C-alpha atoms as a PDB file:
ATOM      1  CA  UNK A   1       0.000   0.000   0.000  1.00  0.00           C
ATOM      2  CA  UNK A   2       1.353   3.391  -1.046  1.00  0.00           C
ATOM      3  CA  UNK A   3       3.114   5.452   1.669  1.00  0.00           C
ATOM      4  CA  UNK A   4       2.657   2.678   4.107  1.00  0.00           C
ATOM      5  CA  UNK A   5       5.059   2.982   7.075  1.00  0.00           C
ATOM      6  CA  UNK A   6       6.033   6.593   6.451  1.00  0.00           C
ATOM      7  CA  UNK A   7       4.302   7.808   9.581  1.00  0.00           C
ATOM      8  CA  UNK A   8       6.021   5.157  11.621  1.00  0.00           C
ATOM      9  CA  UNK A   9       9.372   6.039  10.084  1.00  0.00           C
ATOM     10  CA  UNK A  10       8.726   9.711  10.821  1.00  0.00           C
ATOM     11  CA  UNK A  11       7.911   8.807  14.380  1.00  0.00           C
ATOM     12  CA  UNK A  12      11.035   6.710  14.639  1.00  0.00           C
ATOM     13  CA  UNK A  13      13.123   9.554  13.231  1.00  0.00           C
ATOM     14  CA  UNK A  14      11.657  11.930  15.797  1.00  0.00           C
ATOM     15  CA  UNK A  15      12.306   9.466  18.572  1.00  0.00           C
ATOM     16  CA  UNK A  16      15.837   8.969  17.272  1.00  0.00           C
ATOM     17  CA  UNK A  17      16.598  12.700  17.102  1.00  0.00           C
ATOM     18  CA  UNK A  18      15.177  13.326  20.543  1.00  0.00           C
ATOM     19  CA  UNK A  19      17.193  10.367  21.887  1.00  0.00           C
ATOM     20  CA  UNK A  20      20.328  11.816  20.319  1.00  0.00           C
ATOM     21  CA  UNK A  21      19.555  15.208  21.906  1.00  0.00           C
ATOM     22  CA  UNK A  22      18.991  13.462  25.238  1.00  0.00           C
ATOM     23  CA  UNK A  23      22.354  11.715  24.956  1.00  0.00           C
ATOM     24  CA  UNK A  24      24.094  15.001  24.145  1.00  0.00           C
ATOM     25  CA  UNK A  25      22.436  16.690  27.139  1.00  0.00           C
ATOM     26  CA  UNK A  26      23.453  13.817  29.422  1.00  0.00           C
ATOM     27  CA  UNK A  27      26.987  13.828  27.996  1.00  0.00           C
ATOM     28  CA  UNK A  28      27.255  17.588  28.468  1.00  0.00           C
ATOM     29  CA  UNK A  29      25.997  17.236  32.035  1.00  0.00           C
ATOM     30  CA  UNK A  30      28.553  14.497  32.741  1.00  0.00           C
ATOM     31  CA  UNK A  31      31.386  16.529  31.213  1.00  0.00           C
ATOM     32  CA  UNK A  32      30.297  19.616  33.150  1.00  0.00           C
ATOM     33  CA  UNK A  33      30.112  17.614  36.349  1.00  0.00           C
ATOM     34  CA  UNK A  34      33.533  16.033  35.742  1.00  0.00           C
ATOM     35  CA  UNK A  35      35.110  19.388  34.859  1.00  0.00           C
ATOM     36  CA  UNK A  36      33.346  21.014  37.787  1.00  0.00           C
ATOM     37  CA  UNK A  37      34.754  18.422  40.178  1.00  0.00           C
ATOM     38  CA  UNK A  38      38.198  18.826  38.626  1.00  0.00           C
ATOM     39  CA  UNK A  39      38.035  22.602  38.826  1.00  0.00           C
ATOM     40  CA  UNK A  40      36.762  22.384  42.399  1.00  0.00           C
ATOM     41  CA  UNK A  41      39.594  20.008  43.318  1.00  0.00           C
ATOM     42  CA  UNK A  42      42.202  22.214  41.654  1.00  0.00           C
ATOM     43  CA  UNK A  43      40.789  25.377  43.193  1.00  0.00           C
ATOM     44  CA  UNK A  44      40.865  23.760  46.629  1.00  0.00           C
ATOM     45  CA  UNK A  45      44.486  22.739  46.054  1.00  0.00           C
ATOM     46  CA  UNK A  46      45.443  26.201  44.777  1.00  0.00           C
ATOM     47  CA  UNK A  47      43.756  27.880  47.728  1.00  0.00           C
ATOM     48  CA  UNK A  48      45.588  25.525  50.112  1.00  0.00           C
ATOM     49  CA  UNK A  49      48.947  26.267  48.413  1.00  0.00           C
ATOM     50  CA  UNK A  50      48.286  30.019  48.541  1.00  0.00           C
ATOM     51  CA  UNK A  51      47.230  29.818  52.193  1.00  0.00           C
ATOM     52  CA  UNK A  52      50.452  27.972  53.036  1.00  0.00           C
ATOM     53  CA  UNK A  53      52.500  30.561  51.132  1.00  0.00           C
ATOM     54  CA  UNK A  54      50.659  33.428  52.861  1.00  0.00           C
ATOM     55  CA  UNK A  55      51.233  31.928  56.327  1.00  0.00           C
ATOM     56  CA  UNK A  56      54.943  31.329  55.627  1.00  0.00           C
ATOM     57  CA  UNK A  57      55.390  34.818  54.161  1.00  0.00           C
ATOM     58  CA  UNK A  58      53.760  36.494  57.156  1.00  0.00           C
ATOM     59  CA  UNK A  59      55.880  34.303  59.441  1.00  0.00           C
ATOM     60  CA  UNK A  60      59.061  35.103  57.506  1.00  0.00           C
ATOM     61  CA  UNK A  61      58.431  38.857  57.514  1.00  0.00           C
ATOM     62  CA  UNK A  62      57.575  38.976  61.224  1.00  0.00           C
ATOM     63  CA  UNK A  63      58.946  42.084  62.888  1.00  0.00           C
ATOM     64  CA  UNK A  64      59.356  41.634  66.649  1.00  0.00           C
ATOM     65  CA  UNK A  65      60.262  44.593  68.846  1.00  0.00           C
ATOM     66  CA  UNK A  66      63.469  43.682  70.709  1.00  0.00           C
ATOM     67  CA  UNK A  67      63.766  43.882  74.466  1.00  0.00           C
ATOM     68  CA  UNK A  68      66.951  45.929  74.458  1.00  0.00           C
ATOM     69  CA  UNK A  69      69.062  45.206  77.570  1.00  0.00           C
ATOM     70  CA  UNK A  70      69.865  48.058  79.928  1.00  0.00           C
ATOM     71  CA  UNK A  71      73.394  48.795  81.018  1.00  0.00           C
ATOM     72  CA  UNK A  72      76.481  50.693  79.938  1.00  0.00           C
ATOM     73  CA  UNK A  73      78.984  49.518  77.377  1.00  0.00           C
ATOM     74  CA  UNK A  74      76.809  46.774  75.862  1.00  0.00           C
ATOM     75  CA  UNK A  75      76.878  45.763  72.196  1.00  0.00           C
ATOM     76  CA  UNK A  76      73.895  43.721  71.026  1.00  0.00           C
ATOM     77  CA  UNK A  77      73.516  41.299  68.133  1.00  0.00           C
ATOM     78  CA  UNK A  78      72.561  42.993  64.863  1.00  0.00           C
ATOM     79  CA  UNK A  79      70.555  39.967  63.726  1.00  0.00           C
ATOM     80  CA  UNK A  80      68.756  36.790  64.730  1.00  0.00           C
ATOM     81  CA  UNK A  81      70.586  33.592  63.874  1.00  0.00           C
ATOM     82  CA  UNK A  82      73.504  31.341  64.722  1.00  0.00           C
ATOM     83  CA  UNK A  83      77.046  32.576  65.286  1.00  0.00           C
ATOM     84  CA  UNK A  84      79.310  30.542  63.020  1.00  0.00           C
ATOM     85  CA  UNK A  85      82.436  32.710  62.927  1.00  0.00           C
ATOM     86  CA  UNK A  86      84.242  34.577  65.722  1.00  0.00           C
ATOM     87  CA  UNK A  87      87.681  35.702  64.646  1.00  0.00           C
ATOM     88  CA  UNK A  88      89.956  38.581  63.767  1.00  0.00           C
ATOM     89  CA  UNK A  89      89.991  39.949  60.251  1.00  0.00           C
ATOM     90  CA  UNK A  90      91.091  42.993  58.309  1.00  0.00           C
ATOM     91  CA  UNK A  91      88.414  45.512  57.363  1.00  0.00           C
ATOM     92  CA  UNK A  92      90.050  48.186  55.245  1.00  0.00           C
ATOM     93  CA  UNK A  93      87.096  50.343  54.222  1.00  0.00           C
ATOM     94  CA  UNK A  94      85.910  51.414  57.660  1.00  0.00           C
ATOM     95  CA  UNK A  95      88.424  50.302  60.271  1.00  0.00           C
ATOM     96  CA  UNK A  96      91.460  50.462  58.045  1.00  0.00           C
ATOM     97  CA  UNK A  97      93.007  47.473  59.746  1.00  0.00           C
ATOM     98  CA  UNK A  98      92.502  44.484  62.011  1.00  0.00           C
ATOM     99  CA  UNK A  99      89.281  44.074  64.006  1.00  0.00           C
ATOM    100  CA  UNK A 100      87.030  41.505  65.634  1.00  0.00           C
ATOM    101  CA  UNK A 101      84.452  39.814  63.428  1.00  0.00           C
ATOM    102  CA  UNK A 102      81.260  38.114  64.606  1.00  0.00           C
ATOM    103  CA  UNK A 103      79.440  36.454  61.705  1.00  0.00           C
ATOM    104  CA  UNK A 104      75.795  35.366  62.060  1.00  0.00           C
ATOM    105  CA  UNK A 105      74.038  33.018  59.643  1.00  0.00           C
ATOM    106  CA  UNK A 106      70.295  33.574  59.142  1.00  0.00           C
ATOM    107  CA  UNK A 107      68.273  30.607  57.937  1.00  0.00           C
ATOM    108  CA  UNK A 108      64.883  31.066  56.252  1.00  0.00           C
ATOM    109  CA  UNK A 109      63.278  30.405  59.646  1.00  0.00           C
ATOM    110  CA  UNK A 110      65.029  33.291  61.425  1.00  0.00           C
ATOM    111  CA  UNK A 111      63.749  36.857  61.759  1.00  0.00           C
ATOM    112  CA  UNK A 112      65.251  38.797  58.847  1.00  0.00           C
ATOM    113  CA  UNK A 113      65.082  42.323  60.249  1.00  0.00           C
ATOM    114  CA  UNK A 114      68.433  43.725  61.405  1.00  0.00           C
ATOM    115  CA  UNK A 115      69.037  45.997  64.393  1.00  0.00           C
ATOM    116  CA  UNK A 116      71.507  48.675  65.486  1.00  0.00           C
ATOM    117  CA  UNK A 117      74.075  47.056  67.810  1.00  0.00           C
ATOM    118  CA  UNK A 118      74.698  50.356  69.620  1.00  0.00           C
ATOM    119  CA  UNK A 119      73.419  53.926  69.830  1.00  0.00           C
ATOM    120  CA  UNK A 120      75.130  56.323  67.461  1.00  0.00           C
ATOM    121  CA  UNK A 121      75.166  57.731  63.963  1.00  0.00           C
ATOM    122  CA  UNK A 122      75.537  56.033  60.585  1.00  0.00           C
ATOM    123  CA  UNK A 123      78.523  57.795  59.008  1.00  0.00           C
ATOM    124  CA  UNK A 124      79.462  55.311  56.291  1.00  0.00           C
ATOM    125  CA  UNK A 125      77.423  53.270  53.813  1.00  0.00           C
ATOM    126  CA  UNK A 126      78.866  51.289  50.922  1.00  0.00           C
ATOM    127  CA  UNK A 127      77.039  48.965  48.528  1.00  0.00           C
ATOM    128  CA  UNK A 128      79.236  46.378  46.805  1.00  0.00           C
ATOM    129  CA  UNK A 129      77.842  44.323  43.886  1.00  0.00           C
ATOM    130  CA  UNK A 130      78.869  40.703  43.802  1.00  0.00           C
ATOM    131  CA  UNK A 131      77.898  37.067  43.418  1.00  0.00           C
ATOM    132  CA  UNK A 132      75.102  35.163  45.156  1.00  0.00           C
ATOM    133  CA  UNK A 133      76.876  32.229  46.746  1.00  0.00           C
ATOM    134  CA  UNK A 134      75.167  30.280  49.499  1.00  0.00           C
ATOM    135  CA  UNK A 135      75.155  32.269  52.745  1.00  0.00           C
ATOM    136  CA  UNK A 136      75.988  28.980  54.480  1.00  0.00           C
ATOM    137  CA  UNK A 137      79.546  29.611  53.331  1.00  0.00           C
ATOM    138  CA  UNK A 138      81.344  31.638  55.978  1.00  0.00           C
ATOM    139  CA  UNK A 139      83.454  33.277  53.260  1.00  0.00           C
ATOM    140  CA  UNK A 140      80.416  34.406  51.234  1.00  0.00           C
ATOM    141  CA  UNK A 141      80.801  37.985  52.512  1.00  0.00           C
ATOM    142  CA  UNK A 142      84.032  38.253  50.516  1.00  0.00           C
ATOM    143  CA  UNK A 143      82.258  37.482  47.230  1.00  0.00           C
ATOM    144  CA  UNK A 144      78.538  38.217  47.572  1.00  0.00           C
ATOM    145  CA  UNK A 145      76.646  41.439  47.110  1.00  0.00           C
ATOM    146  CA  UNK A 146      76.686  43.316  50.411  1.00  0.00           C
ATOM    147  CA  UNK A 147      76.132  46.632  52.149  1.00  0.00           C
ATOM    148  CA  UNK A 148      78.574  47.865  54.811  1.00  0.00           C
ATOM    149  CA  UNK A 149      77.227  50.288  57.425  1.00  0.00           C
ATOM    150  CA  UNK A 150      79.779  52.122  59.575  1.00  0.00           C
ATOM    151  CA  UNK A 151      78.592  53.590  62.898  1.00  0.00           C
ATOM    152  CA  UNK A 152      80.122  56.001  65.380  1.00  0.00           C
ATOM    153  CA  UNK A 153      78.718  55.457  68.839  1.00  0.00           C
ATOM    154  CA  UNK A 154      77.523  58.062  71.307  1.00  0.00           C
ATOM    155  CA  UNK A 155      77.604  55.684  74.287  1.00  0.00           C
ATOM    156  CA  UNK A 156      80.519  55.463  74.728  1.00  0.00           C
ATOM    157  CA  UNK A 157      81.349  58.455  72.569  1.00  0.00           C
ATOM    158  CA  UNK A 158      83.497  58.108  69.482  1.00  0.00           C
ATOM    159  CA  UNK A 159      83.780  54.326  69.225  1.00  0.00           C
ATOM    160  CA  UNK A 160      83.508  52.683  65.826  1.00  0.00           C
ATOM    161  CA  UNK A 161      81.757  49.523  64.692  1.00  0.00           C
ATOM    162  CA  UNK A 162      80.345  48.223  61.436  1.00  0.00           C
ATOM    163  CA  UNK A 163      77.591  45.916  60.218  1.00  0.00           C
ATOM    164  CA  UNK A 164      77.855  44.090  56.901  1.00  0.00           C
ATOM    165  CA  UNK A 165      74.591  42.896  55.313  1.00  0.00           C
ATOM    166  CA  UNK A 166      75.318  39.986  52.976  1.00  0.00           C
ATOM    167  CA  UNK A 167      73.032  38.619  50.260  1.00  0.00           C
ATOM    168  CA  UNK A 168      72.792  34.866  49.629  1.00  0.00           C
ATOM    169  CA  UNK A 169      71.843  32.419  46.903  1.00  0.00           C
ATOM    170  CA  UNK A 170      68.141  33.055  47.598  1.00  0.00           C
ATOM    171  CA  UNK A 171      68.381  36.374  49.429  1.00  0.00           C
ATOM    172  CA  UNK A 172      69.055  38.788  46.599  1.00  0.00           C
ATOM    173  CA  UNK A 173      67.401  41.837  48.032  1.00  0.00           C
ATOM    174  CA  UNK A 174      68.925  43.891  50.832  1.00  0.00           C
ATOM    175  CA  UNK A 175      66.622  46.688  52.001  1.00  0.00           C
ATOM    176  CA  UNK A 176      68.466  49.231  54.198  1.00  0.00           C
ATOM    177  CA  UNK A 177      66.240  51.330  56.443  1.00  0.00           C
ATOM    178  CA  UNK A 178      68.988  53.870  57.215  1.00  0.00           C
ATOM    179  CA  UNK A 179      71.585  55.877  55.334  1.00  0.00           C
ATOM    180  CA  UNK A 180      74.684  57.885  56.127  1.00  0.00           C
ATOM    181  CA  UNK A 181      73.839  60.715  58.503  1.00  0.00           C
ATOM    182  CA  UNK A 182      70.995  58.964  60.306  1.00  0.00           C
ATOM    183  CA  UNK A 183      70.947  58.726  64.090  1.00  0.00           C
ATOM    184  CA  UNK A 184      70.064  55.303  65.519  1.00  0.00           C
ATOM    185  CA  UNK A 185      69.328  54.017  68.990  1.00  0.00           C
ATOM    186  CA  UNK A 186      70.481  50.617  70.137  1.00  0.00           C
ATOM    187  CA  UNK A 187      67.942  48.059  68.929  1.00  0.00           C
ATOM    188  CA  UNK A 188      66.499  50.257  66.173  1.00  0.00           C
ATOM    189  CA  UNK A 189      65.608  48.441  62.966  1.00  0.00           C
ATOM    190  CA  UNK A 190      68.230  49.232  60.341  1.00  0.00           C
ATOM    191  CA  UNK A 191      67.541  46.833  57.457  1.00  0.00           C
ATOM    192  CA  UNK A 192      65.815  43.778  56.033  1.00  0.00           C
ATOM    193  CA  UNK A 193      67.404  40.938  54.073  1.00  0.00           C
ATOM    194  CA  UNK A 194      64.897  38.705  52.335  1.00  0.00           C
ATOM    195  CA  UNK A 195      65.338  34.944  52.863  1.00  0.00           C
ATOM    196  CA  UNK A 196      68.524  33.126  53.930  1.00  0.00           C
ATOM    197  CA  UNK A 197      71.447  35.483  54.433  1.00  0.00           C
ATOM    198  CA  UNK A 198      74.379  36.535  56.636  1.00  0.00           C
ATOM    199  CA  UNK A 199      75.165  39.523  58.850  1.00  0.00           C
ATOM    200  CA  UNK A 200      78.648  40.372  60.123  1.00  0.00           C
ATOM    201  CA  UNK A 201      79.555  42.668  63.008  1.00  0.00           C
ATOM    202  CA  UNK A 202      82.998  44.296  63.091  1.00  0.00           C
ATOM    203  CA  UNK A 203      84.388  45.648  66.355  1.00  0.00           C
ATOM    204  CA  UNK A 204      87.670  47.262  67.416  1.00  0.00           C
ATOM    205  CA  UNK A 205      90.183  44.959  69.066  1.00  0.00           C
ATOM    206  CA  UNK A 206      89.712  46.518  72.507  1.00  0.00           C
ATOM    207  CA  UNK A 207      86.050  45.397  72.552  1.00  0.00           C
ATOM    208  CA  UNK A 208      85.431  42.215  74.552  1.00  0.00           C
ATOM    209  CA  UNK A 209      83.592  39.507  72.580  1.00  0.00           C
ATOM    210  CA  UNK A 210      81.023  37.649  74.710  1.00  0.00           C
ATOM    211  CA  UNK A 211      79.754  34.991  72.288  1.00  0.00           C
ATOM    212  CA  UNK A 212      81.232  31.874  70.723  1.00  0.00           C
ATOM    213  CA  UNK A 213      80.664  29.787  67.624  1.00  0.00           C
ATOM    214  CA  UNK A 214      77.382  27.877  67.849  1.00  0.00           C
ATOM    215  CA  UNK A 215      75.555  30.416  70.001  1.00  0.00           C
ATOM    216  CA  UNK A 216      72.028  31.405  68.980  1.00  0.00           C
ATOM    217  CA  UNK A 217      71.498  35.157  69.192  1.00  0.00           C
ATOM    218  CA  UNK A 218      68.475  37.454  69.063  1.00  0.00           C
ATOM    219  CA  UNK A 219      68.774  40.722  67.164  1.00  0.00           C
ATOM    220  CA  UNK A 220      68.649  43.810  69.371  1.00  0.00           C
ATOM    221  CA  UNK A 221      68.646  41.666  72.544  1.00  0.00           C
ATOM    222  CA  UNK A 222      71.608  39.311  72.931  1.00  0.00           C
ATOM    223  CA  UNK A 223      74.754  40.961  74.271  1.00  0.00           C
ATOM    224  CA  UNK A 224      77.545  39.834  71.929  1.00  0.00           C
ATOM    225  CA  UNK A 225      80.316  42.125  73.170  1.00  0.00           C
ATOM    226  CA  UNK A 226      81.129  44.911  75.616  1.00  0.00           C
ATOM    227  CA  UNK A 227      83.334  47.967  75.486  1.00  0.00           C
ATOM    228  CA  UNK A 228      86.415  47.554  77.669  1.00  0.00           C
END
């Protein structure tokens, strides 16, 4: 019979098209759900990584106010960290000869603000470009980028000391807070070195060193030497 089955075929085509549309909708929903779960998982991971970075950064850049000791003739540590060198050396730029050296290594877990070891005036500041060797090396100050700050004290009057701020393999940014001509009080913040680094304190030979290799010191608080 003519045109027999056409209606059924039309119906089947309609059912087929609607089934195909249904499959596409279901596939799109599954893909969206899978991508949504993936995005949600990744976003959770990224937020967790950022939160960890934020906590570490705030911890690293902590800025405690030192409890400066009272007393006459005291010289305090210019930085937090571990003393790994106590010796005599020659510092030609500021002392012009032999002097005591106390070298302090700062790990990434130490406070990285530096402090004035004595009350006085910054009269010398010298930036020296250089390499970025690991600050774990006690000789890194001879090769790495550094800033030397020379101070004349007012208590006692006229004494000289110097602080060298040394960059490291990670610490490539030294941020001095003072410059030549500035007056500082003992324990004042004088600089920031970002990430692992080294700070050296130079003292005249008549100063009495009170620390030894291996000692942990707190910037602005620990007495490392006295004027004799």
